[in-house]
């Protein structure tokens, strides 16, 4: 089974591997990149994240994927689909988190758009969400660029988050 899940003009999205811990630590140990998350992650936390993600693939068939630049193979970040429990139901979230040195390059939008298409066309989902800290203006821009709109504010992880969502358009079905 191939590790590649998705491909865009500039990107490869592939399944995470245990040896990706060092790549992910570039993001997870960066206080600025993790500003809107509860805390930075240690090496052990990052290993647990990779294990959780690998389990997610086995159980649900999708998860967060490693994003690499197609031309160079360089690690850029992670983007994918994750289950989120809230308000008594489960939704599928498009999540994205990139190394700070690649911010502003359009990679998050490109990867998130590919995940949106995959969720609607390959999995057949009827809705996708993104949970975003209201202060995270860059993530809000990505959500809006891929066609999501603000739905409501919720409370999760002991903080207020804006829930953005989208449904497939007729031509996406």
Protein backbone atom coordinates (compact mmCIF):
# COMPACT_ATOMS: atom_id res chain seq x y z
CA UNK A 1 0.00 0.00 0.00
CA UNK A 2 1.40 3.38 -1.01
CA UNK A 3 1.96 6.09 1.55
CA UNK A 4 0.78 8.83 -0.83
CA UNK A 5 -2.85 9.77 -0.30
CA UNK A 6 -3.24 13.01 -2.26
CA UNK A 7 -1.34 15.09 -4.75
CA UNK A 8 -1.73 18.70 -5.89
CA UNK A 9 0.29 20.87 -8.26
CA UNK A 10 2.97 21.50 -5.62
CA UNK A 11 2.26 19.02 -2.84
CA UNK A 12 2.21 15.39 -1.82
CA UNK A 13 0.07 14.42 1.17
CA UNK A 14 1.16 11.07 2.54
CA UNK A 15 0.49 8.84 5.49
CA UNK A 16 2.41 9.66 8.62
CA UNK A 17 5.22 7.31 9.72
CA UNK A 18 6.88 6.79 13.08
CA UNK A 19 10.06 8.37 11.75
CA UNK A 20 8.18 11.65 11.12
CA UNK A 21 8.54 12.59 14.80
CA UNK A 22 11.56 14.83 14.17
CA UNK A 23 9.79 16.63 11.34
CA UNK A 24 6.68 17.21 13.43
CA UNK A 25 8.76 18.41 16.38
CA UNK A 26 9.83 21.39 14.26
CA UNK A 27 6.23 22.56 14.51
CA UNK A 28 5.17 21.09 17.86
CA UNK A 29 8.14 22.62 19.75
CA UNK A 30 7.72 26.07 18.13
CA UNK A 31 5.89 28.39 20.55
CA UNK A 32 4.72 30.67 17.74
CA UNK A 33 3.40 27.80 15.58
CA UNK A 34 1.63 26.35 18.62
CA UNK A 35 0.31 29.68 19.92
CA UNK A 36 -3.35 28.70 19.50
CA UNK A 37 -2.94 25.19 20.95
CA UNK A 38 -2.92 24.35 24.67
CA UNK A 39 0.86 23.79 24.74
CA UNK A 40 3.91 22.74 22.77
CA UNK A 41 4.53 19.01 22.48
CA UNK A 42 7.53 17.08 23.74
CA UNK A 43 9.18 14.27 21.78
CA UNK A 44 7.10 11.77 23.78
CA UNK A 45 3.88 13.72 23.08
CA UNK A 46 4.78 13.80 19.40
CA UNK A 47 5.36 10.04 19.34
CA UNK A 48 1.91 9.58 20.90
CA UNK A 49 0.42 11.90 18.26
CA UNK A 50 1.94 9.78 15.47
CA UNK A 51 0.68 6.56 17.13
CA UNK A 52 -2.80 8.08 17.52
CA UNK A 53 -2.76 9.12 13.86
CA UNK A 54 -1.68 5.67 12.66
CA UNK A 55 -4.51 4.15 14.72
CA UNK A 56 -6.93 6.67 13.16
CA UNK A 57 -5.92 5.46 9.67
CA UNK A 58 -6.65 1.85 10.62
CA UNK A 59 -10.01 2.55 12.26
CA UNK A 60 -11.41 5.33 10.04
CA UNK A 61 -9.36 5.19 6.85
CA UNK A 62 -8.18 8.80 7.10
CA UNK A 63 -6.38 11.17 9.44
CA UNK A 64 -3.76 13.90 9.44
CA UNK A 65 -1.25 13.46 6.63
CA UNK A 66 2.29 14.70 6.21
CA UNK A 67 2.57 17.44 3.58
CA UNK A 68 5.70 17.52 1.45
CA UNK A 69 6.74 19.73 -1.42
CA UNK A 70 6.39 17.63 -4.57
CA UNK A 71 9.53 18.94 -6.28
CA UNK A 72 11.98 18.63 -3.37
CA UNK A 73 10.30 16.16 -1.01
CA UNK A 74 10.79 18.73 1.77
CA UNK A 75 8.57 18.43 4.87
CA UNK A 76 6.15 21.36 5.11
CA UNK A 77 3.62 20.38 7.75
CA UNK A 78 0.51 18.29 8.28
CA UNK A 79 -3.01 18.53 6.94
CA UNK A 80 -5.87 16.09 6.90
CA UNK A 81 -9.22 14.94 8.22
CA UNK A 82 -9.87 14.25 11.90
CA UNK A 83 -12.97 13.30 13.87
CA UNK A 84 -14.09 15.87 16.45
CA UNK A 85 -16.68 15.21 19.15
CA UNK A 86 -18.80 18.21 20.06
CA UNK A 87 -22.32 19.03 21.08
CA UNK A 88 -23.15 15.33 21.36
CA UNK A 89 -22.18 14.44 17.79
CA UNK A 90 -19.10 13.69 15.72
CA UNK A 91 -17.98 15.90 12.83
CA UNK A 92 -15.03 15.59 10.44
CA UNK A 93 -12.57 18.45 10.66
CA UNK A 94 -10.04 19.65 8.11
CA UNK A 95 -6.98 20.37 10.21
CA UNK A 96 -3.74 22.02 9.11
CA UNK A 97 -0.51 23.01 10.81
CA UNK A 98 2.64 24.01 8.93
CA UNK A 99 6.23 24.81 9.81
CA UNK A 100 6.54 28.53 10.36
CA UNK A 101 9.20 28.95 7.66
CA UNK A 102 6.53 28.02 5.07
CA UNK A 103 3.78 30.32 6.28
CA UNK A 104 2.42 32.65 3.61
CA UNK A 105 3.29 30.29 0.74
CA UNK A 106 -0.26 29.10 0.10
CA UNK A 107 0.58 25.54 1.10
CA UNK A 108 -2.09 25.34 3.82
CA UNK A 109 -4.81 26.49 1.43
CA UNK A 110 -3.66 24.11 -1.30
CA UNK A 111 -3.49 21.13 1.08
CA UNK A 112 -6.79 21.96 2.82
CA UNK A 113 -8.56 22.30 -0.54
CA UNK A 114 -7.27 18.85 -1.55
CA UNK A 115 -8.56 17.44 1.77
CA UNK A 116 -11.94 19.07 1.23
CA UNK A 117 -12.22 17.53 -2.22
CA UNK A 118 -11.14 14.14 -0.83
CA UNK A 119 -13.68 14.31 1.99
CA UNK A 120 -16.57 15.11 -0.32
CA UNK A 121 -15.64 13.13 -3.43
CA UNK A 122 -13.79 10.09 -2.07
CA UNK A 123 -15.36 9.58 1.35
CA UNK A 124 -18.78 11.04 0.53
CA UNK A 125 -19.05 13.33 3.54
CA UNK A 126 -21.99 15.73 3.70
CA UNK A 127 -20.20 18.37 5.80
CA UNK A 128 -16.69 19.39 6.85
CA UNK A 129 -15.69 21.70 9.67
CA UNK A 130 -12.65 23.52 11.02
CA UNK A 131 -12.31 24.56 14.66
CA UNK A 132 -10.28 27.76 14.86
CA UNK A 133 -9.22 30.06 17.67
CA UNK A 134 -10.92 33.41 16.93
CA UNK A 135 -7.53 35.16 17.16
CA UNK A 136 -5.94 32.89 14.54
CA UNK A 137 -6.51 35.16 11.56
CA UNK A 138 -4.28 33.14 9.20
CA UNK A 139 -6.25 29.92 9.79
CA UNK A 140 -9.52 31.78 9.38
CA UNK A 141 -8.28 33.06 5.99
CA UNK A 142 -7.44 29.49 4.91
CA UNK A 143 -10.90 28.26 5.94
CA UNK A 144 -12.57 31.06 4.00
CA UNK A 145 -10.36 30.52 0.93
CA UNK A 146 -11.48 26.89 0.69
CA UNK A 147 -15.15 27.87 0.88
CA UNK A 148 -15.90 27.53 4.58
CA UNK A 149 -17.97 30.05 6.45
CA UNK A 150 -18.45 30.87 10.10
CA UNK A 151 -21.23 28.81 11.65
CA UNK A 152 -21.00 29.41 15.41
CA UNK A 153 -18.74 29.69 18.43
CA UNK A 154 -18.35 26.58 20.58
CA UNK A 155 -16.50 25.67 23.75
CA UNK A 156 -13.94 22.83 23.45
CA UNK A 157 -10.61 22.15 25.16
CA UNK A 158 -11.55 24.75 27.79
CA UNK A 159 -11.62 27.59 25.27
CA UNK A 160 -13.91 29.31 22.82
CA UNK A 161 -13.42 28.27 19.19
CA UNK A 162 -15.05 29.44 16.00
CA UNK A 163 -16.59 26.62 14.00
CA UNK A 164 -16.30 27.08 10.24
CA UNK A 165 -18.07 24.64 7.93
CA UNK A 166 -18.92 23.81 4.36
CA UNK A 167 -21.09 21.35 2.51
CA UNK A 168 -20.46 19.99 -0.98
CA UNK A 169 -21.67 22.10 -3.84
CA UNK A 170 -23.71 20.36 -6.53
CA UNK A 171 -20.69 20.23 -8.86
CA UNK A 172 -18.57 18.65 -6.06
CA UNK A 173 -20.96 15.70 -5.65
